[in-house]
PDB file of N, CA and C in Angstrom:
ATOM      1  N   MET A   1       0.830  -1.190   0.000  1.00  0.00           N
ATOM      2  CA  MET A   1       0.000   0.000   0.000  1.00  0.00           C
ATOM      3  C   MET A   1       0.872   1.251   0.000  1.00  0.00           C
ATOM      4  N   ALA A   2       1.924   1.279   0.803  1.00  0.00           N
ATOM      5  CA  ALA A   2       2.796   2.452   0.862  1.00  0.00           C
ATOM      6  C   ALA A   2       3.419   2.726  -0.504  1.00  0.00           C
ATOM      7  N   ASP A   3       3.710   1.645  -1.243  1.00  0.00           N
ATOM      8  CA  ASP A   3       4.299   1.797  -2.574  1.00  0.00           C
ATOM      9  C   ASP A   3       3.330   2.498  -3.518  1.00  0.00           C
ATOM     10  N   ARG A   4       2.058   2.128  -3.457  1.00  0.00           N
ATOM     11  CA  ARG A   4       1.057   2.762  -4.326  1.00  0.00           C
ATOM     12  C   ARG A   4       0.868   4.229  -3.951  1.00  0.00           C
ATOM     13  N   VAL A   5       0.932   4.519  -2.663  1.00  0.00           N
ATOM     14  CA  VAL A   5       0.802   5.908  -2.226  1.00  0.00           C
ATOM     15  C   VAL A   5       1.996   6.720  -2.720  1.00  0.00           C
ATOM     16  N   ALA A   6       3.197   6.158  -2.613  1.00  0.00           N
ATOM     17  CA  ALA A   6       4.399   6.844  -3.097  1.00  0.00           C
ATOM     18  C   ALA A   6       4.319   7.078  -4.604  1.00  0.00           C
ATOM     19  N   GLN A   7       3.826   6.090  -5.334  1.00  0.00           N
ATOM     20  CA  GLN A   7       3.666   6.252  -6.774  1.00  0.00           C
ATOM     21  C   GLN A   7       2.632   7.335  -7.084  1.00  0.00           C
ATOM     22  N   ALA A   8       1.573   7.376  -6.292  1.00  0.00           N
ATOM     23  CA  ALA A   8       0.538   8.390  -6.495  1.00  0.00           C
ATOM     24  C   ALA A   8       1.108   9.783  -6.269  1.00  0.00           C
ATOM     25  N   ILE A   9       1.927   9.925  -5.246  1.00  0.00           N
ATOM     26  CA  ILE A   9       2.539  11.228  -4.960  1.00  0.00           C
ATOM     27  C   ILE A   9       3.452  11.639  -6.112  1.00  0.00           C
ATOM     28  N   ALA A  10       4.257  10.700  -6.599  1.00  0.00           N
ATOM     29  CA  ALA A  10       5.166  10.997  -7.715  1.00  0.00           C
ATOM     30  C   ALA A  10       4.376  11.349  -8.979  1.00  0.00           C
ATOM     31  N   ALA A  11       3.301  10.624  -9.248  1.00  0.00           N
ATOM     32  CA  ALA A  11       2.476  10.902 -10.426  1.00  0.00           C
ATOM     33  C   ALA A  11       1.809  12.268 -10.295  1.00  0.00           C
ATOM     34  N   GLN A  12       1.359  12.600  -9.096  1.00  0.00           N
ATOM     35  CA  GLN A  12       0.733  13.906  -8.886  1.00  0.00           C
ATOM     36  C   GLN A  12       1.746  15.031  -9.101  1.00  0.00           C
ATOM     37  N   GLN A  13       2.989  14.791  -8.689  1.00  0.00           N
ATOM     38  CA  GLN A  13       4.037  15.782  -8.921  1.00  0.00           C
ATOM     39  C   GLN A  13       4.245  16.010 -10.417  1.00  0.00           C
ATOM     40  N   LEU A  14       4.175  14.942 -11.201  1.00  0.00           N
ATOM     41  CA  LEU A  14       4.270  15.096 -12.657  1.00  0.00           C
ATOM     42  C   LEU A  14       3.108  15.926 -13.191  1.00  0.00           C
ATOM     43  N   LEU A  15       1.908  15.604 -12.727  1.00  0.00           N
ATOM     44  CA  LEU A  15       0.722  16.307 -13.211  1.00  0.00           C
ATOM     45  C   LEU A  15       0.687  17.759 -12.750  1.00  0.00           C
ATOM     46  N   ASP A  16       1.420  18.079 -11.698  1.00  0.00           N
ATOM     47  CA  ASP A  16       1.509  19.454 -11.213  1.00  0.00           C
ATOM     48  C   ASP A  16       2.662  20.218 -11.860  1.00  0.00           C
ATOM     49  N   ASN A  17       3.495  19.518 -12.629  1.00  0.00           N
ATOM     50  CA  ASN A  17       4.684  20.117 -13.214  1.00  0.00           C
ATOM     51  C   ASN A  17       4.324  20.779 -14.548  1.00  0.00           C
ATOM     52  N   GLU A  18       4.487  22.105 -14.599  1.00  0.00           N
ATOM     53  CA  GLU A  18       4.105  22.853 -15.798  1.00  0.00           C
ATOM     54  C   GLU A  18       4.903  22.437 -17.031  1.00  0.00           C
ATOM     55  N   THR A  19       6.174  22.110 -16.840  1.00  0.00           N
ATOM     56  CA  THR A  19       7.009  21.689 -17.968  1.00  0.00           C
ATOM     57  C   THR A  19       6.514  20.366 -18.536  1.00  0.00           C
ATOM     58  N   PHE A  20       6.179  19.420 -17.661  1.00  0.00           N
ATOM     59  CA  PHE A  20       5.662  18.123 -18.093  1.00  0.00           C
ATOM     60  C   PHE A  20       4.348  18.304 -18.849  1.00  0.00           C
ATOM     61  N   LEU A  21       3.461  19.130 -18.304  1.00  0.00           N
ATOM     62  CA  LEU A  21       2.173  19.353 -18.960  1.00  0.00           C
ATOM     63  C   LEU A  21       2.351  20.054 -20.305  1.00  0.00           C
ATOM     64  N   ALA A  22       3.295  20.993 -20.377  1.00  0.00           N
ATOM     65  CA  ALA A  22       3.571  21.673 -21.648  1.00  0.00           C
ATOM     66  C   ALA A  22       4.112  20.690 -22.676  1.00  0.00           C
ATOM     67  N   LEU A  23       4.957  19.772 -22.224  1.00  0.00           N
ATOM     68  CA  LEU A  23       5.501  18.749 -23.114  1.00  0.00           C
ATOM     69  C   LEU A  23       4.377  17.873 -23.669  1.00  0.00           C
ATOM     70  N   LEU A  24       3.482  17.406 -22.809  1.00  0.00           N
ATOM     71  CA  LEU A  24       2.357  16.588 -23.276  1.00  0.00           C
ATOM     72  C   LEU A  24       1.479  17.380 -24.235  1.00  0.00           C
ATOM     73  N   ALA A  25       1.216  18.629 -23.909  1.00  0.00           N
ATOM     74  CA  ALA A  25       0.373  19.465 -24.772  1.00  0.00           C
ATOM     75  C   ALA A  25       1.027  19.649 -26.135  1.00  0.00           C
ATOM     76  N   LYS A  26       2.341  19.837 -26.157  1.00  0.00           N
ATOM     77  CA  LYS A  26       3.057  20.006 -27.432  1.00  0.00           C
ATOM     78  C   LYS A  26       2.988  18.732 -28.259  1.00  0.00           C
ATOM     79  N   ILE A  27       3.206  17.591 -27.626  1.00  0.00           N
ATOM     80  CA  ILE A  27       3.138  16.321 -28.349  1.00  0.00           C
ATOM     81  C   ILE A  27       1.733  16.119 -28.919  1.00  0.00           C
ATOM     82  N   GLU A  28       0.713  16.398 -28.109  1.00  0.00           N
ATOM     83  CA  GLU A  28      -0.664  16.264 -28.569  1.00  0.00           C
ATOM     84  C   GLU A  28      -0.955  17.220 -29.730  1.00  0.00           C
ATOM     85  N   ALA A  29      -0.548  18.476 -29.589  1.00  0.00           N
ATOM     86  CA  ALA A  29      -0.799  19.471 -30.640  1.00  0.00           C
ATOM     87  C   ALA A  29      -0.074  19.107 -31.933  1.00  0.00           C
ATOM     88  N   ASP A  30       1.170  18.659 -31.794  1.00  0.00           N
ATOM     89  CA  ASP A  30       1.920  18.240 -32.985  1.00  0.00           C
ATOM     90  C   ASP A  30       1.240  17.055 -33.672  1.00  0.00           C
ATOM     91  N   ALA A  31       0.733  16.128 -32.870  1.00  0.00           N
ATOM     92  CA  ALA A  31       0.061  14.958 -33.439  1.00  0.00           C
ATOM     93  C   ALA A  31      -1.242  15.363 -34.125  1.00  0.00           C
ATOM     94  N   VAL A  32      -1.977  16.280 -33.521  1.00  0.00           N
ATOM     95  CA  VAL A  32      -3.217  16.760 -34.143  1.00  0.00           C
ATOM     96  C   VAL A  32      -2.897  17.465 -35.459  1.00  0.00           C
ATOM     97  N   ASP A  33      -1.858  18.302 -35.443  1.00  0.00           N
ATOM     98  CA  ASP A  33      -1.447  18.989 -36.678  1.00  0.00           C
ATOM     99  C   ASP A  33      -1.037  17.979 -37.752  1.00  0.00           C
ATOM    100  N   ALA A  34      -0.276  16.968 -37.352  1.00  0.00           N
ATOM    101  CA  ALA A  34       0.160  15.943 -38.305  1.00  0.00           C
ATOM    102  C   ALA A  34      -1.034  15.170 -38.855  1.00  0.00           C
ATOM    103  N   LEU A  35      -1.987  14.917 -37.987  1.00  0.00           N
ATOM    104  CA  LEU A  35      -3.189  14.194 -38.417  1.00  0.00           C
ATOM    105  C   LEU A  35      -3.990  15.036 -39.407  1.00  0.00           C
ATOM    106  N   ALA A  36      -4.112  16.323 -39.121  1.00  0.00           N
ATOM    107  CA  ALA A  36      -4.853  17.217 -40.019  1.00  0.00           C
ATOM    108  C   ALA A  36      -4.152  17.364 -41.372  1.00  0.00           C
ATOM    109  N   ALA A  37      -2.819  17.314 -41.357  1.00  0.00           N
ATOM    110  CA  ALA A  37      -2.059  17.497 -42.588  1.00  0.00           C
ATOM    111  C   ALA A  37      -1.764  16.186 -43.309  1.00  0.00           C
ATOM    112  N   ALA A  38      -2.101  15.073 -42.691  1.00  0.00           N
ATOM    113  CA  ALA A  38      -1.762  13.772 -43.267  1.00  0.00           C
ATOM    114  C   ALA A  38      -2.476  13.555 -44.595  1.00  0.00           C
ATOM    115  N   ASP A  39      -1.769  12.920 -45.468  1.00  0.00           N
ATOM    116  CA  ASP A  39      -2.320  12.568 -46.775  1.00  0.00           C
ATOM    117  C   ASP A  39      -3.207  11.337 -46.576  1.00  0.00           C
ATOM    118  N   VAL A  40      -4.489  11.497 -46.835  1.00  0.00           N
ATOM    119  CA  VAL A  40      -5.415  10.388 -46.599  1.00  0.00           C
ATOM    120  C   VAL A  40      -5.126   9.180 -47.484  1.00  0.00           C
ATOM    121  N   SER A  41      -4.363   9.395 -48.542  1.00  0.00           N
ATOM    122  CA  SER A  41      -4.002   8.262 -49.391  1.00  0.00           C
ATOM    123  C   SER A  41      -2.770   7.530 -48.847  1.00  0.00           C
ATOM    124  N   ASN A  42      -2.207   8.040 -47.741  1.00  0.00           N
ATOM    125  CA  ASN A  42      -1.037   7.417 -47.124  1.00  0.00           C
ATOM    126  C   ASN A  42      -1.416   6.924 -45.726  1.00  0.00           C
ATOM    127  N   PRO A  43      -1.932   5.698 -45.642  1.00  0.00           N
ATOM    128  CA  PRO A  43      -2.381   5.186 -44.351  1.00  0.00           C
ATOM    129  C   PRO A  43      -1.296   5.193 -43.270  1.00  0.00           C
ATOM    130  N   ALA A  44      -0.045   5.020 -43.659  1.00  0.00           N
ATOM    131  CA  ALA A  44       1.029   4.993 -42.668  1.00  0.00           C
ATOM    132  C   ALA A  44       1.126   6.321 -41.925  1.00  0.00           C
ATOM    133  N   SER A  45       0.963   7.434 -42.630  1.00  0.00           N
ATOM    134  CA  SER A  45       1.044   8.740 -41.970  1.00  0.00           C
ATOM    135  C   SER A  45      -0.142   8.958 -41.045  1.00  0.00           C
ATOM    136  N   LEU A  46      -1.311   8.477 -41.439  1.00  0.00           N
ATOM    137  CA  LEU A  46      -2.489   8.567 -40.577  1.00  0.00           C
ATOM    138  C   LEU A  46      -2.320   7.713 -39.323  1.00  0.00           C
ATOM    139  N   ILE A  47      -1.804   6.524 -39.516  1.00  0.00           N
ATOM    140  CA  ILE A  47      -1.598   5.614 -38.386  1.00  0.00           C
ATOM    141  C   ILE A  47      -0.589   6.193 -37.406  1.00  0.00           C
ATOM    142  N   ARG A  48       0.505   6.731 -37.911  1.00  0.00           N
ATOM    143  CA  ARG A  48       1.539   7.289 -37.033  1.00  0.00           C
ATOM    144  C   ARG A  48       1.011   8.486 -36.237  1.00  0.00           C
ATOM    145  N   ALA A  49       0.329   9.407 -36.907  1.00  0.00           N
ATOM    146  CA  ALA A  49      -0.200  10.582 -36.219  1.00  0.00           C
ATOM    147  C   ALA A  49      -1.236  10.179 -35.174  1.00  0.00           C
ATOM    148  N   THR A  50      -2.080   9.234 -35.519  1.00  0.00           N
ATOM    149  CA  THR A  50      -3.084   8.755 -34.568  1.00  0.00           C
ATOM    150  C   THR A  50      -2.418   8.074 -33.378  1.00  0.00           C
ATOM    151  N   ALA A  51      -1.425   7.254 -33.636  1.00  0.00           N
ATOM    152  CA  ALA A  51      -0.706   6.562 -32.561  1.00  0.00           C
ATOM    153  C   ALA A  51       0.004   7.557 -31.647  1.00  0.00           C
ATOM    154  N   ASP A  52       0.616   8.595 -32.220  1.00  0.00           N
ATOM    155  CA  ASP A  52       1.289   9.614 -31.414  1.00  0.00           C
ATOM    156  C   ASP A  52       0.298  10.324 -30.495  1.00  0.00           C
ATOM    157  N   LEU A  53      -0.845  10.684 -31.032  1.00  0.00           N
ATOM    158  CA  LEU A  53      -1.867  11.363 -30.244  1.00  0.00           C
ATOM    159  C   LEU A  53      -2.376  10.459 -29.119  1.00  0.00           C
ATOM    160  N   GLN A  54      -2.671   9.220 -29.466  1.00  0.00           N
ATOM    161  CA  GLN A  54      -3.156   8.285 -28.461  1.00  0.00           C
ATOM    162  C   GLN A  54      -2.107   8.031 -27.374  1.00  0.00           C
ATOM    163  N   ALA A  55      -0.848   7.939 -27.752  1.00  0.00           N
ATOM    164  CA  ALA A  55       0.218   7.694 -26.780  1.00  0.00           C
ATOM    165  C   ALA A  55       0.338   8.853 -25.804  1.00  0.00           C
ATOM    166  N   ALA A  56       0.312  10.069 -26.302  1.00  0.00           N
ATOM    167  CA  ALA A  56       0.407  11.234 -25.420  1.00  0.00           C
ATOM    168  C   ALA A  56      -0.763  11.263 -24.447  1.00  0.00           C
ATOM    169  N   ARG A  57      -1.929  10.973 -24.941  1.00  0.00           N
ATOM    170  CA  ARG A  57      -3.114  10.966 -24.063  1.00  0.00           C
ATOM    171  C   ARG A  57      -3.052   9.824 -23.052  1.00  0.00           C
ATOM    172  N   ARG A  58      -2.499   8.681 -23.463  1.00  0.00           N
ATOM    173  CA  ARG A  58      -2.370   7.553 -22.529  1.00  0.00           C
ATOM    174  C   ARG A  58      -1.399   7.863 -21.397  1.00  0.00           C
ATOM    175  N   VAL A  59      -0.340   8.613 -21.687  1.00  0.00           N
ATOM    176  CA  VAL A  59       0.606   9.000 -20.634  1.00  0.00           C
ATOM    177  C   VAL A  59      -0.120   9.803 -19.567  1.00  0.00           C
ATOM    178  N   ARG A  60      -0.886  10.793 -19.986  1.00  0.00           N
ATOM    179  CA  ARG A  60      -1.642  11.610 -19.033  1.00  0.00           C
ATOM    180  C   ARG A  60      -2.645  10.759 -18.258  1.00  0.00           C
ATOM    181  N   GLU A  61      -3.391   9.912 -18.966  1.00  0.00           N
ATOM    182  CA  GLU A  61      -4.389   9.056 -18.316  1.00  0.00           C
ATOM    183  C   GLU A  61      -3.740   8.088 -17.338  1.00  0.00           C
ATOM    184  N   ALA A  62      -2.576   7.561 -17.691  1.00  0.00           N
ATOM    185  CA  ALA A  62      -1.880   6.630 -16.799  1.00  0.00           C
ATOM    186  C   ALA A  62      -1.448   7.327 -15.527  1.00  0.00           C
ATOM    187  N   ALA A  63      -0.924   8.529 -15.648  1.00  0.00           N
ATOM    188  CA  ALA A  63      -0.514   9.283 -14.452  1.00  0.00           C
ATOM    189  C   ALA A  63      -1.732   9.573 -13.578  1.00  0.00           C
ATOM    190  N   GLU A  64      -2.827   9.978 -14.192  1.00  0.00           N
ATOM    191  CA  GLU A  64      -4.048  10.240 -13.424  1.00  0.00           C
ATOM    192  C   GLU A  64      -4.563   8.977 -12.751  1.00  0.00           C
ATOM    193  N   SER A  65      -4.455   7.855 -13.421  1.00  0.00           N
ATOM    194  CA  SER A  65      -4.883   6.578 -12.847  1.00  0.00           C
ATOM    195  C   SER A  65      -4.032   6.190 -11.643  1.00  0.00           C
ATOM    196  N   ILE A  66      -2.731   6.419 -11.741  1.00  0.00           N
ATOM    197  CA  ILE A  66      -1.833   6.104 -10.624  1.00  0.00           C
ATOM    198  C   ILE A  66      -2.182   6.970  -9.420  1.00  0.00           C
ATOM    199  N   VAL A  67      -2.482   8.239  -9.671  1.00  0.00           N
ATOM    200  CA  VAL A  67      -2.874   9.130  -8.574  1.00  0.00           C
ATOM    201  C   VAL A  67      -4.143   8.602  -7.922  1.00  0.00           C
ATOM    202  N   THR A  68      -5.126   8.259  -8.736  1.00  0.00           N
ATOM    203  CA  THR A  68      -6.399   7.763  -8.208  1.00  0.00           C
ATOM    204  C   THR A  68      -6.222   6.462  -7.433  1.00  0.00           C
ATOM    205  N   THR A  69      -5.441   5.543  -7.982  1.00  0.00           N
ATOM    206  CA  THR A  69      -5.205   4.254  -7.324  1.00  0.00           C
ATOM    207  C   THR A  69      -4.499   4.455  -5.988  1.00  0.00           C
ATOM    208  N   GLY A  70      -3.507   5.321  -5.965  1.00  0.00           N
ATOM    209  CA  GLY A  70      -2.784   5.597  -4.724  1.00  0.00           C
ATOM    210  C   GLY A  70      -3.656   6.262  -3.685  1.00  0.00           C
ATOM    211  N   MET A  71      -4.524   7.148  -4.151  1.00  0.00           N
ATOM    212  CA  MET A  71      -5.433   7.802  -3.221  1.00  0.00           C
ATOM    213  C   MET A  71      -6.390   6.787  -2.613  1.00  0.00           C
ATOM    214  N   ALA A  72      -6.832   5.847  -3.431  1.00  0.00           N
ATOM    215  CA  ALA A  72      -7.713   4.797  -2.920  1.00  0.00           C
ATOM    216  C   ALA A  72      -6.974   3.917  -1.916  1.00  0.00           C
ATOM    217  N   ALA A  73      -5.689   3.697  -2.144  1.00  0.00           N
ATOM    218  CA  ALA A  73      -4.910   2.848  -1.251  1.00  0.00           C
ATOM    219  C   ALA A  73      -4.691   3.493   0.109  1.00  0.00           C
ATOM    220  N   GLN A  74      -4.655   4.821   0.152  1.00  0.00           N
ATOM    221  CA  GLN A  74      -4.388   5.470   1.423  1.00  0.00           C
ATOM    222  C   GLN A  74      -5.657   5.746   2.238  1.00  0.00           C
ATOM    223  N   ARG A  75      -6.812   5.528   1.646  1.00  0.00           N
ATOM    224  CA  ARG A  75      -8.071   5.717   2.392  1.00  0.00           C
ATOM    225  C   ARG A  75      -8.222   4.623   3.451  1.00  0.00           C
ATOM    226  N   VAL A  76      -8.728   5.036   4.574  1.00  0.00           N
ATOM    227  CA  VAL A  76      -8.995   4.080   5.639  1.00  0.00           C
ATOM    228  C   VAL A  76     -10.356   3.462   5.353  1.00  0.00           C
ATOM    229  N   PRO A  77     -10.407   2.124   5.260  1.00  0.00           N
ATOM    230  CA  PRO A  77     -11.701   1.491   4.971  1.00  0.00           C
ATOM    231  C   PRO A  77     -12.684   1.717   6.114  1.00  0.00           C
ATOM    232  N   PRO A  78     -13.959   1.813   5.785  1.00  0.00           N
ATOM    233  CA  PRO A  78     -14.952   2.012   6.855  1.00  0.00           C
ATOM    234  C   PRO A  78     -15.019   0.784   7.758  1.00  0.00           C
ATOM    235  N   THR A  79     -15.344   1.030   8.993  1.00  0.00           N
ATOM    236  CA  THR A  79     -15.492  -0.084   9.931  1.00  0.00           C
ATOM    237  C   THR A  79     -16.965  -0.348  10.143  1.00  0.00           C
ATOM    238  N   VAL A  80     -17.270  -1.569  10.416  1.00  0.00           N
ATOM    239  CA  VAL A  80     -18.659  -1.956  10.698  1.00  0.00           C
ATOM    240  C   VAL A  80     -18.756  -2.148  12.201  1.00  0.00           C
ATOM    241  N   ALA A  81     -19.609  -1.371  12.819  1.00  0.00           N
ATOM    242  CA  ALA A  81     -19.724  -1.456  14.279  1.00  0.00           C
ATOM    243  C   ALA A  81     -20.883  -2.316  14.678  1.00  0.00           C
TER     244      ALA A  81
END
């Protein structure tokens, strides 16, 4: 449990870090731009841009999930009296 809480704290620090968030936003924006500019007759370019966008979003979602999981681990379960 302590390990999950420590991971949650570290993940929250990432999500609070402006540089990290700017990096994710840049990757997402670049992927959206690449997707918009992709030649629809070139499936490889569409696949790559889509994969880049999905990967950037998964990084953010994974960090948020770790925070949530760690927060759940540190909650004291209710007692039945």
